[in-house]
Amino acid sequence: MSDVTITPTTDGPLEVSGEVRIEAPDGTLIRETSKAYLCRCGYSKAKPFCDGSHKREGWTEASE
């Protein structure tokens, strides 16, 4: 199994790098990828992925 790195971007999503498998709560495969940006603001309409909504909503890390 490869190493996975999760890095919070400044005032934005989590950058996930490495061979990852993203699944729904019921175990259904959403995507297998080597890089993904996951929402952490809660505004994305493409959850679990970031769609840039944090910028429109003015979300910052201090909002968490």
N, C-alpha and C. Protein backbone atom coordinates (compact mmCIF):
# COMPACT_ATOMS: atom_id res chain seq x y z
N MET A 1 0.85 -1.18 0.00
CA MET A 1 0.00 0.00 0.00
C MET A 1 0.90 1.24 0.00
N SER A 2 0.53 2.23 -0.78
CA SER A 2 1.36 3.43 -0.90
C SER A 2 1.06 4.41 0.21
N ASP A 3 1.98 5.34 0.38
CA ASP A 3 1.79 6.39 1.37
C ASP A 3 0.76 7.39 0.88
N VAL A 4 -0.04 7.88 1.79
CA VAL A 4 -1.03 8.91 1.49
C VAL A 4 -0.70 10.12 2.34
N THR A 5 -0.73 11.30 1.72
CA THR A 5 -0.47 12.55 2.42
C THR A 5 -1.72 13.40 2.35
N ILE A 6 -2.14 13.93 3.49
CA ILE A 6 -3.29 14.83 3.56
C ILE A 6 -2.78 16.18 4.05
N THR A 7 -2.95 17.20 3.21
CA THR A 7 -2.44 18.53 3.51
C THR A 7 -3.56 19.55 3.43
N PRO A 8 -3.85 20.27 4.53
CA PRO A 8 -4.84 21.33 4.43
C PRO A 8 -4.24 22.50 3.65
N THR A 9 -4.97 22.98 2.64
CA THR A 9 -4.51 24.15 1.91
C THR A 9 -4.96 25.39 2.68
N THR A 10 -4.29 26.49 2.50
CA THR A 10 -4.63 27.72 3.21
C THR A 10 -6.02 28.18 2.79
N ASP A 11 -6.92 28.25 3.77
CA ASP A 11 -8.30 28.70 3.54
C ASP A 11 -8.99 27.96 2.41
N GLY A 12 -8.71 26.65 2.30
CA GLY A 12 -9.31 25.87 1.23
C GLY A 12 -9.44 24.41 1.60
N PRO A 13 -9.48 23.54 0.59
CA PRO A 13 -9.75 22.13 0.81
C PRO A 13 -8.55 21.36 1.37
N LEU A 14 -8.79 20.09 1.65
CA LEU A 14 -7.72 19.17 1.99
C LEU A 14 -7.20 18.57 0.70
N GLU A 15 -5.90 18.64 0.50
CA GLU A 15 -5.28 18.01 -0.66
C GLU A 15 -4.84 16.61 -0.25
N VAL A 16 -5.36 15.60 -0.91
CA VAL A 16 -5.03 14.21 -0.61
C VAL A 16 -4.19 13.69 -1.77
N SER A 17 -2.96 13.27 -1.47
CA SER A 17 -2.04 12.77 -2.50
C SER A 17 -1.62 11.35 -2.15
N GLY A 18 -1.50 10.53 -3.16
CA GLY A 18 -1.13 9.13 -3.00
C GLY A 18 -2.22 8.29 -3.64
N GLU A 19 -2.02 7.00 -3.68
CA GLU A 19 -3.05 6.13 -4.26
C GLU A 19 -4.17 5.98 -3.25
N VAL A 20 -5.29 6.64 -3.50
CA VAL A 20 -6.40 6.62 -2.55
C VAL A 20 -7.67 6.09 -3.20
N ARG A 21 -8.50 5.55 -2.35
CA ARG A 21 -9.81 5.05 -2.74
C ARG A 21 -10.81 5.82 -1.89
N ILE A 22 -11.67 6.59 -2.53
CA ILE A 22 -12.66 7.41 -1.82
C ILE A 22 -13.99 6.69 -1.92
N GLU A 23 -14.57 6.41 -0.76
CA GLU A 23 -15.81 5.65 -0.70
C GLU A 23 -16.91 6.44 0.01
N ALA A 24 -18.15 6.13 -0.35
CA ALA A 24 -19.32 6.67 0.34
C ALA A 24 -19.45 5.95 1.68
N PRO A 25 -20.26 6.49 2.59
CA PRO A 25 -20.43 5.83 3.89
C PRO A 25 -20.88 4.37 3.79
N ASP A 26 -21.60 4.02 2.73
CA ASP A 26 -22.06 2.64 2.57
C ASP A 26 -21.02 1.75 1.89
N GLY A 27 -19.82 2.29 1.62
CA GLY A 27 -18.75 1.52 1.01
C GLY A 27 -18.70 1.57 -0.50
N THR A 28 -19.66 2.24 -1.13
CA THR A 28 -19.68 2.38 -2.58
C THR A 28 -18.49 3.21 -3.04
N LEU A 29 -17.77 2.72 -4.04
CA LEU A 29 -16.62 3.45 -4.56
C LEU A 29 -17.07 4.73 -5.26
N ILE A 30 -16.47 5.84 -4.85
CA ILE A 30 -16.72 7.13 -5.52
C ILE A 30 -15.63 7.38 -6.55
N ARG A 31 -14.37 7.19 -6.13
CA ARG A 31 -13.25 7.44 -7.05
C ARG A 31 -11.98 6.80 -6.52
N GLU A 32 -11.16 6.30 -7.43
CA GLU A 32 -9.79 5.91 -7.13
C GLU A 32 -8.92 6.90 -7.88
N THR A 33 -7.96 7.49 -7.18
CA THR A 33 -7.17 8.57 -7.78
C THR A 33 -5.84 8.69 -7.06
N SER A 34 -4.95 9.49 -7.62
CA SER A 34 -3.68 9.77 -6.95
C SER A 34 -3.68 11.17 -6.34
N LYS A 35 -4.71 11.97 -6.64
CA LYS A 35 -4.81 13.30 -6.02
C LYS A 35 -6.27 13.73 -6.01
N ALA A 36 -6.70 14.25 -4.88
CA ALA A 36 -8.07 14.76 -4.76
C ALA A 36 -8.07 15.95 -3.81
N TYR A 37 -9.04 16.82 -3.99
CA TYR A 37 -9.22 17.96 -3.11
C TYR A 37 -10.58 17.80 -2.44
N LEU A 38 -10.55 17.61 -1.13
CA LEU A 38 -11.77 17.33 -0.38
C LEU A 38 -12.25 18.57 0.38
N CYS A 39 -13.55 18.79 0.32
CA CYS A 39 -14.17 19.94 0.97
C CYS A 39 -14.00 19.87 2.48
N ARG A 40 -13.70 20.99 3.09
CA ARG A 40 -13.72 21.08 4.54
C ARG A 40 -14.52 22.27 5.04
N CYS A 41 -15.10 23.04 4.09
CA CYS A 41 -15.90 24.20 4.50
C CYS A 41 -17.38 23.84 4.67
N GLY A 42 -17.82 22.79 3.98
CA GLY A 42 -19.21 22.37 4.07
C GLY A 42 -20.12 22.97 3.01
N TYR A 43 -19.63 23.88 2.19
CA TYR A 43 -20.46 24.55 1.19
C TYR A 43 -20.48 23.88 -0.18
N SER A 44 -19.55 22.98 -0.44
CA SER A 44 -19.45 22.36 -1.77
C SER A 44 -20.71 21.60 -2.14
N LYS A 45 -21.12 21.76 -3.38
CA LYS A 45 -22.25 21.00 -3.90
C LYS A 45 -21.77 19.69 -4.53
N ALA A 46 -20.45 19.46 -4.52
CA ALA A 46 -19.87 18.25 -5.10
C ALA A 46 -19.22 17.38 -4.02
N LYS A 47 -19.70 17.47 -2.78
CA LYS A 47 -19.09 16.74 -1.67
C LYS A 47 -18.96 15.27 -2.02
N PRO A 48 -17.86 14.66 -1.65
CA PRO A 48 -16.87 15.13 -0.70
C PRO A 48 -15.79 16.01 -1.33
N PHE A 49 -15.92 16.31 -2.61
CA PHE A 49 -14.90 17.07 -3.32
C PHE A 49 -15.14 18.57 -3.22
N CYS A 50 -14.06 19.33 -3.28
CA CYS A 50 -14.14 20.79 -3.28
C CYS A 50 -14.60 21.28 -4.64
N ASP A 51 -15.51 22.25 -4.66
CA ASP A 51 -15.92 22.87 -5.92
C ASP A 51 -15.62 24.37 -5.94
N GLY A 52 -14.83 24.84 -4.97
CA GLY A 52 -14.46 26.25 -4.91
C GLY A 52 -15.44 27.12 -4.15
N SER A 53 -16.48 26.54 -3.59
CA SER A 53 -17.50 27.32 -2.88
C SER A 53 -16.94 28.11 -1.70
N HIS A 54 -15.85 27.64 -1.11
CA HIS A 54 -15.25 28.34 0.03
C HIS A 54 -14.89 29.78 -0.34
N LYS A 55 -14.46 29.99 -1.56
CA LYS A 55 -14.09 31.34 -1.99
C LYS A 55 -15.32 32.23 -2.07
N ARG A 56 -16.39 31.72 -2.69
CA ARG A 56 -17.62 32.49 -2.84
C ARG A 56 -18.23 32.82 -1.48
N GLU A 57 -18.13 31.88 -0.54
CA GLU A 57 -18.73 32.06 0.77
C GLU A 57 -17.84 32.81 1.75
N GLY A 58 -16.58 33.04 1.36
CA GLY A 58 -15.66 33.76 2.24
C GLY A 58 -15.18 32.91 3.42
N TRP A 59 -15.20 31.59 3.24
CA TRP A 59 -14.78 30.69 4.30
C TRP A 59 -13.27 30.77 4.51
N THR A 60 -12.85 30.75 5.77
CA THR A 60 -11.43 30.72 6.10
C THR A 60 -11.21 29.65 7.17
N GLU A 61 -9.97 29.30 7.39
CA GLU A 61 -9.64 28.34 8.41
C GLU A 61 -10.14 28.77 9.78
N ALA A 62 -10.15 30.07 10.02
CA ALA A 62 -10.62 30.59 11.31
C ALA A 62 -12.12 30.34 11.50
N SER A 63 -12.83 30.00 10.40
CA SER A 63 -14.27 29.74 10.47
C SER A 63 -14.55 28.37 11.07
N GLU A 64 -13.54 27.49 11.07
CA GLU A 64 -13.76 26.10 11.56
C GLU A 64 -14.09 26.09 13.02
